[in-house]
C-alpha atoms as a PDB file:
ATOM      1  CA  UNK A   1      19.147  15.587 -14.652  1.00  0.00           C
ATOM      2  CA  UNK A   2      19.099  18.684 -12.428  1.00  0.00           C
ATOM      3  CA  UNK A   3      22.014  20.564 -10.893  1.00  0.00           C
ATOM      4  CA  UNK A   4      22.001  18.451  -7.704  1.00  0.00           C
ATOM      5  CA  UNK A   5      21.813  15.241  -9.731  1.00  0.00           C
ATOM      6  CA  UNK A   6      24.776  16.266 -11.882  1.00  0.00           C
ATOM      7  CA  UNK A   7      26.803  17.163  -8.778  1.00  0.00           C
ATOM      8  CA  UNK A   8      26.084  13.780  -7.176  1.00  0.00           C
ATOM      9  CA  UNK A   9      26.974  12.017 -10.436  1.00  0.00           C
ATOM     10  CA  UNK A  10      30.323  13.857 -10.643  1.00  0.00           C
ATOM     11  CA  UNK A  11      31.170  13.095  -7.004  1.00  0.00           C
ATOM     12  CA  UNK A  12      30.298   9.462  -7.589  1.00  0.00           C
ATOM     13  CA  UNK A  13      32.631   9.366 -10.595  1.00  0.00           C
ATOM     14  CA  UNK A  14      35.461  10.872  -8.517  1.00  0.00           C
ATOM     15  CA  UNK A  15      34.974   8.254  -5.779  1.00  0.00           C
ATOM     16  CA  UNK A  16      35.050   5.426  -8.333  1.00  0.00           C
ATOM     17  CA  UNK A  17      38.225   6.790  -9.943  1.00  0.00           C
ATOM     18  CA  UNK A  18      39.833   7.164  -6.531  1.00  0.00           C
ATOM     19  CA  UNK A  19      38.903   3.572  -5.662  1.00  0.00           C
ATOM     20  CA  UNK A  20      40.341   2.286  -8.930  1.00  0.00           C
ATOM     21  CA  UNK A  21      43.558   4.207  -8.289  1.00  0.00           C
ATOM     22  CA  UNK A  22      43.917   2.721  -4.808  1.00  0.00           C
ATOM     23  CA  UNK A  23      43.273  -0.744  -6.254  1.00  0.00           C
ATOM     24  CA  UNK A  24      46.010  -0.297  -8.866  1.00  0.00           C
ATOM     25  CA  UNK A  25      48.469   0.874  -6.183  1.00  0.00           C
ATOM     26  CA  UNK A  26      47.604  -2.140  -4.040  1.00  0.00           C
ATOM     27  CA  UNK A  27      48.110  -4.493  -6.995  1.00  0.00           C
ATOM     28  CA  UNK A  28      51.547  -3.007  -7.742  1.00  0.00           C
ATOM     29  CA  UNK A  29      52.594  -3.514  -4.111  1.00  0.00           C
ATOM     30  CA  UNK A  30      51.579  -7.187  -4.248  1.00  0.00           C
ATOM     31  CA  UNK A  31      54.031  -7.799  -7.103  1.00  0.00           C
ATOM     32  CA  UNK A  32      54.344 -11.451  -8.091  1.00  0.00           C
ATOM     33  CA  UNK A  33      51.794 -12.437  -5.448  1.00  0.00           C
ATOM     34  CA  UNK A  34      49.042 -10.499  -7.203  1.00  0.00           C
ATOM     35  CA  UNK A  35      45.686 -12.233  -7.598  1.00  0.00           C
ATOM     36  CA  UNK A  36      43.409 -10.098  -9.739  1.00  0.00           C
ATOM     37  CA  UNK A  37      39.691 -10.537  -9.099  1.00  0.00           C
ATOM     38  CA  UNK A  38      37.204 -10.036 -11.910  1.00  0.00           C
ATOM     39  CA  UNK A  39      33.568  -9.003 -11.513  1.00  0.00           C
ATOM     40  CA  UNK A  40      31.291 -11.831 -12.662  1.00  0.00           C
ATOM     41  CA  UNK A  41      29.403 -10.945 -15.843  1.00  0.00           C
ATOM     42  CA  UNK A  42      27.022 -13.874 -15.560  1.00  0.00           C
ATOM     43  CA  UNK A  43      23.465 -13.018 -16.567  1.00  0.00           C
ATOM     44  CA  UNK A  44      20.735 -15.540 -15.830  1.00  0.00           C
ATOM     45  CA  UNK A  45      18.605 -14.125 -18.643  1.00  0.00           C
ATOM     46  CA  UNK A  46      20.568 -12.852 -21.633  1.00  0.00           C
ATOM     47  CA  UNK A  47      19.395 -11.524 -24.973  1.00  0.00           C
ATOM     48  CA  UNK A  48      21.213 -12.035 -28.268  1.00  0.00           C
ATOM     49  CA  UNK A  49      20.667  -8.865 -30.300  1.00  0.00           C
ATOM     50  CA  UNK A  50      16.864  -8.809 -30.778  1.00  0.00           C
ATOM     51  CA  UNK A  51      16.270 -12.301 -29.325  1.00  0.00           C
ATOM     52  CA  UNK A  52      15.002 -11.915 -25.751  1.00  0.00           C
ATOM     53  CA  UNK A  53      14.057 -14.712 -23.340  1.00  0.00           C
ATOM     54  CA  UNK A  54      10.368 -14.602 -22.371  1.00  0.00           C
ATOM     55  CA  UNK A  55       9.965 -16.120 -18.898  1.00  0.00           C
ATOM     56  CA  UNK A  56       6.578 -16.164 -17.184  1.00  0.00           C
ATOM     57  CA  UNK A  57       6.484 -14.240 -13.907  1.00  0.00           C
ATOM     58  CA  UNK A  58       5.433 -17.419 -12.089  1.00  0.00           C
ATOM     59  CA  UNK A  59       8.298 -19.512 -13.459  1.00  0.00           C
ATOM     60  CA  UNK A  60      11.506 -20.120 -11.484  1.00  0.00           C
ATOM     61  CA  UNK A  61      14.943 -19.680 -13.028  1.00  0.00           C
ATOM     62  CA  UNK A  62      17.654 -20.555 -10.520  1.00  0.00           C
ATOM     63  CA  UNK A  63      20.732 -18.385  -9.964  1.00  0.00           C
ATOM     64  CA  UNK A  64      23.576 -19.849 -11.980  1.00  0.00           C
ATOM     65  CA  UNK A  65      21.323 -21.040 -14.799  1.00  0.00           C
ATOM     66  CA  UNK A  66      21.674 -19.468 -18.259  1.00  0.00           C
ATOM     67  CA  UNK A  67      18.635 -18.735 -20.415  1.00  0.00           C
ATOM     68  CA  UNK A  68      19.899 -17.195 -23.634  1.00  0.00           C
ATOM     69  CA  UNK A  69      18.207 -15.787 -26.714  1.00  0.00           C
ATOM     70  CA  UNK A  70      14.900 -16.958 -28.193  1.00  0.00           C
ATOM     71  CA  UNK A  71      13.611 -18.982 -25.229  1.00  0.00           C
ATOM     72  CA  UNK A  72      10.059 -19.119 -23.856  1.00  0.00           C
ATOM     73  CA  UNK A  73       9.359 -20.549 -20.391  1.00  0.00           C
ATOM     74  CA  UNK A  74       5.736 -21.050 -19.319  1.00  0.00           C
ATOM     75  CA  UNK A  75       3.858 -20.566 -16.075  1.00  0.00           C
ATOM     76  CA  UNK A  76       4.964 -22.702 -13.127  1.00  0.00           C
ATOM     77  CA  UNK A  77       7.966 -24.172 -14.957  1.00  0.00           C
ATOM     78  CA  UNK A  78      11.371 -24.346 -13.308  1.00  0.00           C
ATOM     79  CA  UNK A  79      14.889 -24.083 -14.695  1.00  0.00           C
ATOM     80  CA  UNK A  80      17.295 -25.391 -12.075  1.00  0.00           C
ATOM     81  CA  UNK A  81      20.860 -24.649 -11.031  1.00  0.00           C
ATOM     82  CA  UNK A  82      23.520 -24.962 -13.709  1.00  0.00           C
ATOM     83  CA  UNK A  83      21.098 -25.404 -16.624  1.00  0.00           C
ATOM     84  CA  UNK A  84      21.888 -23.880 -20.007  1.00  0.00           C
ATOM     85  CA  UNK A  85      19.058 -23.087 -22.438  1.00  0.00           C
ATOM     86  CA  UNK A  86      20.687 -21.600 -25.536  1.00  0.00           C
ATOM     87  CA  UNK A  87      18.234 -20.331 -28.132  1.00  0.00           C
ATOM     88  CA  UNK A  88      20.709 -18.687 -30.470  1.00  0.00           C
ATOM     89  CA  UNK A  89      20.360 -20.191 -33.961  1.00  0.00           C
ATOM     90  CA  UNK A  90      16.773 -21.296 -33.356  1.00  0.00           C
ATOM     91  CA  UNK A  91      14.044 -21.175 -30.712  1.00  0.00           C
ATOM     92  CA  UNK A  92      13.336 -23.081 -27.503  1.00  0.00           C
ATOM     93  CA  UNK A  93       9.792 -23.354 -26.173  1.00  0.00           C
ATOM     94  CA  UNK A  94       8.926 -24.771 -22.741  1.00  0.00           C
ATOM     95  CA  UNK A  95       5.316 -25.143 -21.623  1.00  0.00           C
ATOM     96  CA  UNK A  96       3.790 -24.773 -18.164  1.00  0.00           C
ATOM     97  CA  UNK A  97       4.591 -26.879 -15.094  1.00  0.00           C
ATOM     98  CA  UNK A  98       7.727 -28.351 -16.680  1.00  0.00           C
ATOM     99  CA  UNK A  99      10.995 -28.840 -14.793  1.00  0.00           C
ATOM    100  CA  UNK A 100      14.452 -28.773 -16.378  1.00  0.00           C
ATOM    101  CA  UNK A 101      16.667 -30.148 -13.635  1.00  0.00           C
ATOM    102  CA  UNK A 102      20.192 -29.223 -12.579  1.00  0.00           C
ATOM    103  CA  UNK A 103      22.960 -29.119 -15.226  1.00  0.00           C
ATOM    104  CA  UNK A 104      20.661 -30.072 -18.097  1.00  0.00           C
ATOM    105  CA  UNK A 105      21.455 -28.612 -21.535  1.00  0.00           C
ATOM    106  CA  UNK A 106      18.808 -27.589 -24.066  1.00  0.00           C
ATOM    107  CA  UNK A 107      19.971 -26.405 -27.489  1.00  0.00           C
ATOM    108  CA  UNK A 108      18.684 -26.141 -31.052  1.00  0.00           C
ATOM    109  CA  UNK A 109      19.755 -26.931 -34.613  1.00  0.00           C
ATOM    110  CA  UNK A 110      20.179 -24.435 -37.439  1.00  0.00           C
ATOM    111  CA  UNK A 111      20.804 -27.233 -39.883  1.00  0.00           C
ATOM    112  CA  UNK A 112      21.823 -30.885 -39.889  1.00  0.00           C
ATOM    113  CA  UNK A 113      22.522 -33.737 -42.309  1.00  0.00           C
ATOM    114  CA  UNK A 114      18.867 -33.890 -43.379  1.00  0.00           C
ATOM    115  CA  UNK A 115      18.833 -30.126 -43.947  1.00  0.00           C
ATOM    116  CA  UNK A 116      16.038 -29.521 -41.430  1.00  0.00           C
ATOM    117  CA  UNK A 117      15.857 -26.421 -39.255  1.00  0.00           C
ATOM    118  CA  UNK A 118      15.001 -27.714 -35.813  1.00  0.00           C
ATOM    119  CA  UNK A 119      13.849 -25.772 -32.754  1.00  0.00           C
ATOM    120  CA  UNK A 120      13.433 -27.535 -29.415  1.00  0.00           C
ATOM    121  CA  UNK A 121       9.889 -27.818 -28.111  1.00  0.00           C
ATOM    122  CA  UNK A 122       9.080 -29.128 -24.635  1.00  0.00           C
ATOM    123  CA  UNK A 123       5.441 -29.418 -23.591  1.00  0.00           C
ATOM    124  CA  UNK A 124       3.548 -29.070 -20.319  1.00  0.00           C
ATOM    125  CA  UNK A 125       4.312 -30.995 -17.096  1.00  0.00           C
ATOM    126  CA  UNK A 126       7.448 -32.566 -18.525  1.00  0.00           C
ATOM    127  CA  UNK A 127      10.286 -33.759 -16.288  1.00  0.00           C
ATOM    128  CA  UNK A 128      13.822 -33.490 -17.674  1.00  0.00           C
ATOM    129  CA  UNK A 129      16.311 -35.143 -15.330  1.00  0.00           C
ATOM    130  CA  UNK A 130      19.678 -33.899 -14.107  1.00  0.00           C
ATOM    131  CA  UNK A 131      22.375 -33.620 -16.742  1.00  0.00           C
ATOM    132  CA  UNK A 132      20.177 -34.514 -19.711  1.00  0.00           C
ATOM    133  CA  UNK A 133      20.973 -33.095 -23.177  1.00  0.00           C
ATOM    134  CA  UNK A 134      18.133 -32.118 -25.526  1.00  0.00           C
ATOM    135  CA  UNK A 135      19.122 -30.912 -28.998  1.00  0.00           C
ATOM    136  CA  UNK A 136      16.681 -29.871 -31.731  1.00  0.00           C
ATOM    137  CA  UNK A 137      13.975 -32.238 -30.499  1.00  0.00           C
ATOM    138  CA  UNK A 138      10.318 -32.361 -29.417  1.00  0.00           C
ATOM    139  CA  UNK A 139       9.063 -33.654 -26.071  1.00  0.00           C
ATOM    140  CA  UNK A 140       5.286 -33.758 -25.683  1.00  0.00           C
ATOM    141  CA  UNK A 141       3.192 -33.124 -22.552  1.00  0.00           C
ATOM    142  CA  UNK A 142       3.782 -35.238 -19.427  1.00  0.00           C
ATOM    143  CA  UNK A 143       6.760 -37.088 -20.875  1.00  0.00           C
ATOM    144  CA  UNK A 144       9.818 -38.020 -18.825  1.00  0.00           C
ATOM    145  CA  UNK A 145      13.495 -37.715 -19.797  1.00  0.00           C
ATOM    146  CA  UNK A 146      15.790 -39.490 -17.353  1.00  0.00           C
ATOM    147  CA  UNK A 147      19.048 -38.284 -15.842  1.00  0.00           C
ATOM    148  CA  UNK A 148      21.959 -38.091 -18.263  1.00  0.00           C
ATOM    149  CA  UNK A 149      19.860 -39.003 -21.305  1.00  0.00           C
ATOM    150  CA  UNK A 150      20.717 -37.494 -24.705  1.00  0.00           C
ATOM    151  CA  UNK A 151      18.099 -36.668 -27.350  1.00  0.00           C
ATOM    152  CA  UNK A 152      19.609 -35.882 -30.743  1.00  0.00           C
ATOM    153  CA  UNK A 153      18.215 -33.821 -33.644  1.00  0.00           C
ATOM    154  CA  UNK A 154      14.712 -34.713 -34.764  1.00  0.00           C
ATOM    155  CA  UNK A 155      13.882 -36.932 -31.781  1.00  0.00           C
ATOM    156  CA  UNK A 156      10.163 -36.890 -30.939  1.00  0.00           C
ATOM    157  CA  UNK A 157       9.022 -38.144 -27.523  1.00  0.00           C
ATOM    158  CA  UNK A 158       5.252 -38.569 -27.424  1.00  0.00           C
ATOM    159  CA  UNK A 159       2.975 -37.863 -24.450  1.00  0.00           C
ATOM    160  CA  UNK A 160       3.464 -40.109 -21.388  1.00  0.00           C
ATOM    161  CA  UNK A 161       6.567 -41.706 -22.903  1.00  0.00           C
ATOM    162  CA  UNK A 162       9.797 -42.181 -20.951  1.00  0.00           C
ATOM    163  CA  UNK A 163      13.461 -42.007 -21.951  1.00  0.00           C
ATOM    164  CA  UNK A 164      15.472 -44.003 -19.425  1.00  0.00           C
ATOM    165  CA  UNK A 165      18.455 -42.535 -17.572  1.00  0.00           C
ATOM    166  CA  UNK A 166      21.652 -42.528 -19.631  1.00  0.00           C
ATOM    167  CA  UNK A 167      19.904 -43.393 -22.895  1.00  0.00           C
ATOM    168  CA  UNK A 168      21.148 -42.088 -26.261  1.00  0.00           C
ATOM    169  CA  UNK A 169      18.267 -41.462 -28.652  1.00  0.00           C
ATOM    170  CA  UNK A 170      19.456 -41.291 -32.248  1.00  0.00           C
ATOM    171  CA  UNK A 171      18.399 -38.676 -34.798  1.00  0.00           C
ATOM    172  CA  UNK A 172      14.783 -38.676 -35.989  1.00  0.00           C
ATOM    173  CA  UNK A 173      13.701 -41.395 -33.555  1.00  0.00           C
ATOM    174  CA  UNK A 174      10.062 -41.323 -32.473  1.00  0.00           C
ATOM    175  CA  UNK A 175       9.191 -42.749 -29.052  1.00  0.00           C
ATOM    176  CA  UNK A 176       5.485 -43.653 -28.987  1.00  0.00           C
ATOM    177  CA  UNK A 177       2.925 -42.921 -26.273  1.00  0.00           C
ATOM    178  CA  UNK A 178       3.363 -44.863 -23.042  1.00  0.00           C
ATOM    179  CA  UNK A 179       6.626 -46.601 -23.946  1.00  0.00           C
ATOM    180  CA  UNK A 180       9.983 -46.784 -22.142  1.00  0.00           C
ATOM    181  CA  UNK A 181      13.103 -46.563 -24.296  1.00  0.00           C
ATOM    182  CA  UNK A 182      16.635 -47.030 -23.001  1.00  0.00           C
ATOM    183  CA  UNK A 183      20.185 -48.018 -23.909  1.00  0.00           C
ATOM    184  CA  UNK A 184      22.787 -46.802 -26.405  1.00  0.00           C
ATOM    185  CA  UNK A 185      21.357 -46.516 -28.963  1.00  0.00           C
ATOM    186  CA  UNK A 186      17.950 -46.306 -27.292  1.00  0.00           C
ATOM    187  CA  UNK A 187      15.476 -49.083 -28.093  1.00  0.00           C
ATOM    188  CA  UNK A 188      12.005 -50.074 -26.933  1.00  0.00           C
ATOM    189  CA  UNK A 189      12.130 -51.771 -23.525  1.00  0.00           C
ATOM    190  CA  UNK A 190       8.534 -52.088 -22.317  1.00  0.00           C
ATOM    191  CA  UNK A 191       5.219 -50.314 -21.786  1.00  0.00           C
ATOM    192  CA  UNK A 192       4.723 -47.925 -18.875  1.00  0.00           C
ATOM    193  CA  UNK A 193       2.351 -49.003 -16.128  1.00  0.00           C
ATOM    194  CA  UNK A 194      -0.569 -46.843 -15.033  1.00  0.00           C
ATOM    195  CA  UNK A 195       1.282 -46.141 -11.771  1.00  0.00           C
ATOM    196  CA  UNK A 196       4.352 -44.925 -13.672  1.00  0.00           C
ATOM    197  CA  UNK A 197       2.270 -42.635 -15.869  1.00  0.00           C
ATOM    198  CA  UNK A 198       0.674 -41.155 -12.750  1.00  0.00           C
ATOM    199  CA  UNK A 199       4.154 -40.729 -11.240  1.00  0.00           C
ATOM    200  CA  UNK A 200       5.302 -38.618 -14.202  1.00  0.00           C
ATOM    201  CA  UNK A 201       2.450 -36.182 -13.615  1.00  0.00           C
ATOM    202  CA  UNK A 202       3.070 -36.131  -9.859  1.00  0.00           C
ATOM    203  CA  UNK A 203       6.800 -35.568 -10.394  1.00  0.00           C
ATOM    204  CA  UNK A 204       6.058 -32.390 -12.337  1.00  0.00           C
ATOM    205  CA  UNK A 205       3.730 -31.157  -9.586  1.00  0.00           C
ATOM    206  CA  UNK A 206       6.329 -31.897  -6.911  1.00  0.00           C
ATOM    207  CA  UNK A 207       8.942 -29.852  -8.747  1.00  0.00           C
ATOM    208  CA  UNK A 208       6.542 -26.958  -9.246  1.00  0.00           C
ATOM    209  CA  UNK A 209       5.975 -26.861  -5.473  1.00  0.00           C
ATOM    210  CA  UNK A 210       9.680 -27.250  -4.716  1.00  0.00           C
ATOM    211  CA  UNK A 211      10.509 -24.421  -7.111  1.00  0.00           C
ATOM    212  CA  UNK A 212       8.216 -22.141  -5.105  1.00  0.00           C
ATOM    213  CA  UNK A 213      10.313 -22.831  -2.009  1.00  0.00           C
ATOM    214  CA  UNK A 214      13.583 -22.117  -3.833  1.00  0.00           C
ATOM    215  CA  UNK A 215      12.166 -18.952  -5.408  1.00  0.00           C
ATOM    216  CA  UNK A 216      11.056 -17.746  -1.974  1.00  0.00           C
ATOM    217  CA  UNK A 217      14.464 -18.475  -0.424  1.00  0.00           C
ATOM    218  CA  UNK A 218      16.330 -16.762  -3.249  1.00  0.00           C
ATOM    219  CA  UNK A 219      14.156 -13.665  -2.874  1.00  0.00           C
ATOM    220  CA  UNK A 220      15.015 -13.189   0.803  1.00  0.00           C
ATOM    221  CA  UNK A 221      17.108 -10.238   1.882  1.00  0.00           C
ATOM    222  CA  UNK A 222      19.987 -10.311   4.355  1.00  0.00           C
ATOM    223  CA  UNK A 223      17.901  -9.114   7.316  1.00  0.00           C
ATOM    224  CA  UNK A 224      15.226 -11.761   6.736  1.00  0.00           C
ATOM    225  CA  UNK A 225      17.824 -14.515   6.514  1.00  0.00           C
ATOM    226  CA  UNK A 226      19.458 -13.404   9.775  1.00  0.00           C
ATOM    227  CA  UNK A 227      16.080 -13.227  11.531  1.00  0.00           C
ATOM    228  CA  UNK A 228      15.252 -16.784  10.513  1.00  0.00           C
ATOM    229  CA  UNK A 229      18.625 -17.994  11.785  1.00  0.00           C
ATOM    230  CA  UNK A 230      17.811 -16.541  15.200  1.00  0.00           C
ATOM    231  CA  UNK A 231      14.312 -18.052  15.169  1.00  0.00           C
ATOM    232  CA  UNK A 232      15.641 -21.510  14.302  1.00  0.00           C
ATOM    233  CA  UNK A 233      18.201 -21.280  17.065  1.00  0.00           C
ATOM    234  CA  UNK A 234      15.595 -20.119  19.575  1.00  0.00           C
ATOM    235  CA  UNK A 235      13.049 -22.796  18.677  1.00  0.00           C
ATOM    236  CA  UNK A 236      15.518 -25.603  17.960  1.00  0.00           C
ATOM    237  CA  UNK A 237      13.984 -28.871  19.158  1.00  0.00           C
ATOM    238  CA  UNK A 238      15.964 -30.775  21.750  1.00  0.00           C
ATOM    239  CA  UNK A 239      15.281 -34.444  22.425  1.00  0.00           C
ATOM    240  CA  UNK A 240      12.018 -35.278  24.216  1.00  0.00           C
ATOM    241  CA  UNK A 241      13.722 -36.237  27.465  1.00  0.00           C
ATOM    242  CA  UNK A 242      15.519 -32.887  27.616  1.00  0.00           C
ATOM    243  CA  UNK A 243      12.279 -30.964  27.001  1.00  0.00           C
ATOM    244  CA  UNK A 244      10.335 -32.955  29.591  1.00  0.00           C
ATOM    245  CA  UNK A 245      13.023 -32.400  32.234  1.00  0.00           C
ATOM    246  CA  UNK A 246      12.639 -28.629  32.016  1.00  0.00           C
ATOM    247  CA  UNK A 247       8.923 -28.634  31.251  1.00  0.00           C
ATOM    248  CA  UNK A 248       9.180 -27.028  27.807  1.00  0.00           C
ATOM    249  CA  UNK A 249       6.546 -27.406  25.092  1.00  0.00           C
ATOM    250  CA  UNK A 250       8.002 -26.234  21.813  1.00  0.00           C
ATOM    251  CA  UNK A 251       5.860 -25.038  18.934  1.00  0.00           C
ATOM    252  CA  UNK A 252       6.919 -24.057  15.427  1.00  0.00           C
ATOM    253  CA  UNK A 253       6.563 -20.275  15.065  1.00  0.00           C
ATOM    254  CA  UNK A 254       4.476 -18.937  12.176  1.00  0.00           C
ATOM    255  CA  UNK A 255       7.598 -17.513  10.534  1.00  0.00           C
ATOM    256  CA  UNK A 256       8.990 -21.025  10.036  1.00  0.00           C
ATOM    257  CA  UNK A 257       5.782 -22.685   8.801  1.00  0.00           C
ATOM    258  CA  UNK A 258       5.734 -23.803   5.167  1.00  0.00           C
ATOM    259  CA  UNK A 259       2.705 -22.974   2.976  1.00  0.00           C
ATOM    260  CA  UNK A 260       0.105 -25.758   2.670  1.00  0.00           C
ATOM    261  CA  UNK A 261       0.810 -26.272  -1.033  1.00  0.00           C
ATOM    262  CA  UNK A 262       4.409 -27.260  -0.248  1.00  0.00           C
ATOM    263  CA  UNK A 263       3.217 -30.086   1.992  1.00  0.00           C
ATOM    264  CA  UNK A 264      -0.183 -31.113   0.519  1.00  0.00           C
ATOM    265  CA  UNK A 265      -0.710 -33.819   3.156  1.00  0.00           C
ATOM    266  CA  UNK A 266      -0.709 -31.132   5.854  1.00  0.00           C
ATOM    267  CA  UNK A 267      -3.652 -29.382   4.224  1.00  0.00           C
ATOM    268  CA  UNK A 268      -5.519 -32.686   3.966  1.00  0.00           C
ATOM    269  CA  UNK A 269      -5.049 -33.442   7.681  1.00  0.00           C
ATOM    270  CA  UNK A 270      -6.294 -29.961   8.603  1.00  0.00           C
ATOM    271  CA  UNK A 271      -9.419 -30.413   6.459  1.00  0.00           C
ATOM    272  CA  UNK A 272     -10.105 -33.853   7.954  1.00  0.00           C
ATOM    273  CA  UNK A 273      -9.738 -32.542  11.515  1.00  0.00           C
ATOM    274  CA  UNK A 274     -12.181 -29.707  10.918  1.00  0.00           C
END
């Protein structure tokens, strides 16, 4: 650091000290009505000593989520608002195109009654519903875990299997390919139809596309947000009668047009027309 850099650093320190002093004076004047604000220390990605999360650059981790320790998140996967992935005493691995929806909890087991050391492994194109709890378990590719379901240590959900919403899957339970299990404790209910298996795959794709929208919105700066507000106000669509009365033909400006991959049907219509 050169002479100018040191001078700027010192001045910056003085300003911070002065600000802290003014804050303390203000707090003393408030007396019993004091409300002390604390700076949030939340970190979306947090290491534990030498255990660092490894998140692919094309994955989406929402603000407010917590990805902690030895956690791997693959390409195109999404970790939604309020999720906690805690890889402290063991590892968590999430493949590509998988979505862990809002307020879900993924944890691991250092040891249990059987004495096994259990990481949590989630494959590719898996959907984990809102509020689900996955603990020391394995979920294979293109499986589906419903909202509020709980998977205990040693659970193994095979490919294209489904755990129904609210189900409690006991330790060391294996859910075979193409089956639906539900209840408390979870038991076999029926086989999945071909349409349901296709839906699981499509659900993962839908969330990958939706995550791109959220990632884009979260990356916007203040000026861009304000510009879009003005554009929406300017091009707001009135009812058809209103527009026809004043002879207005409204078109969506380029700035407010979603990419084709967010609305796949739009791309198909364009191709058909050409």
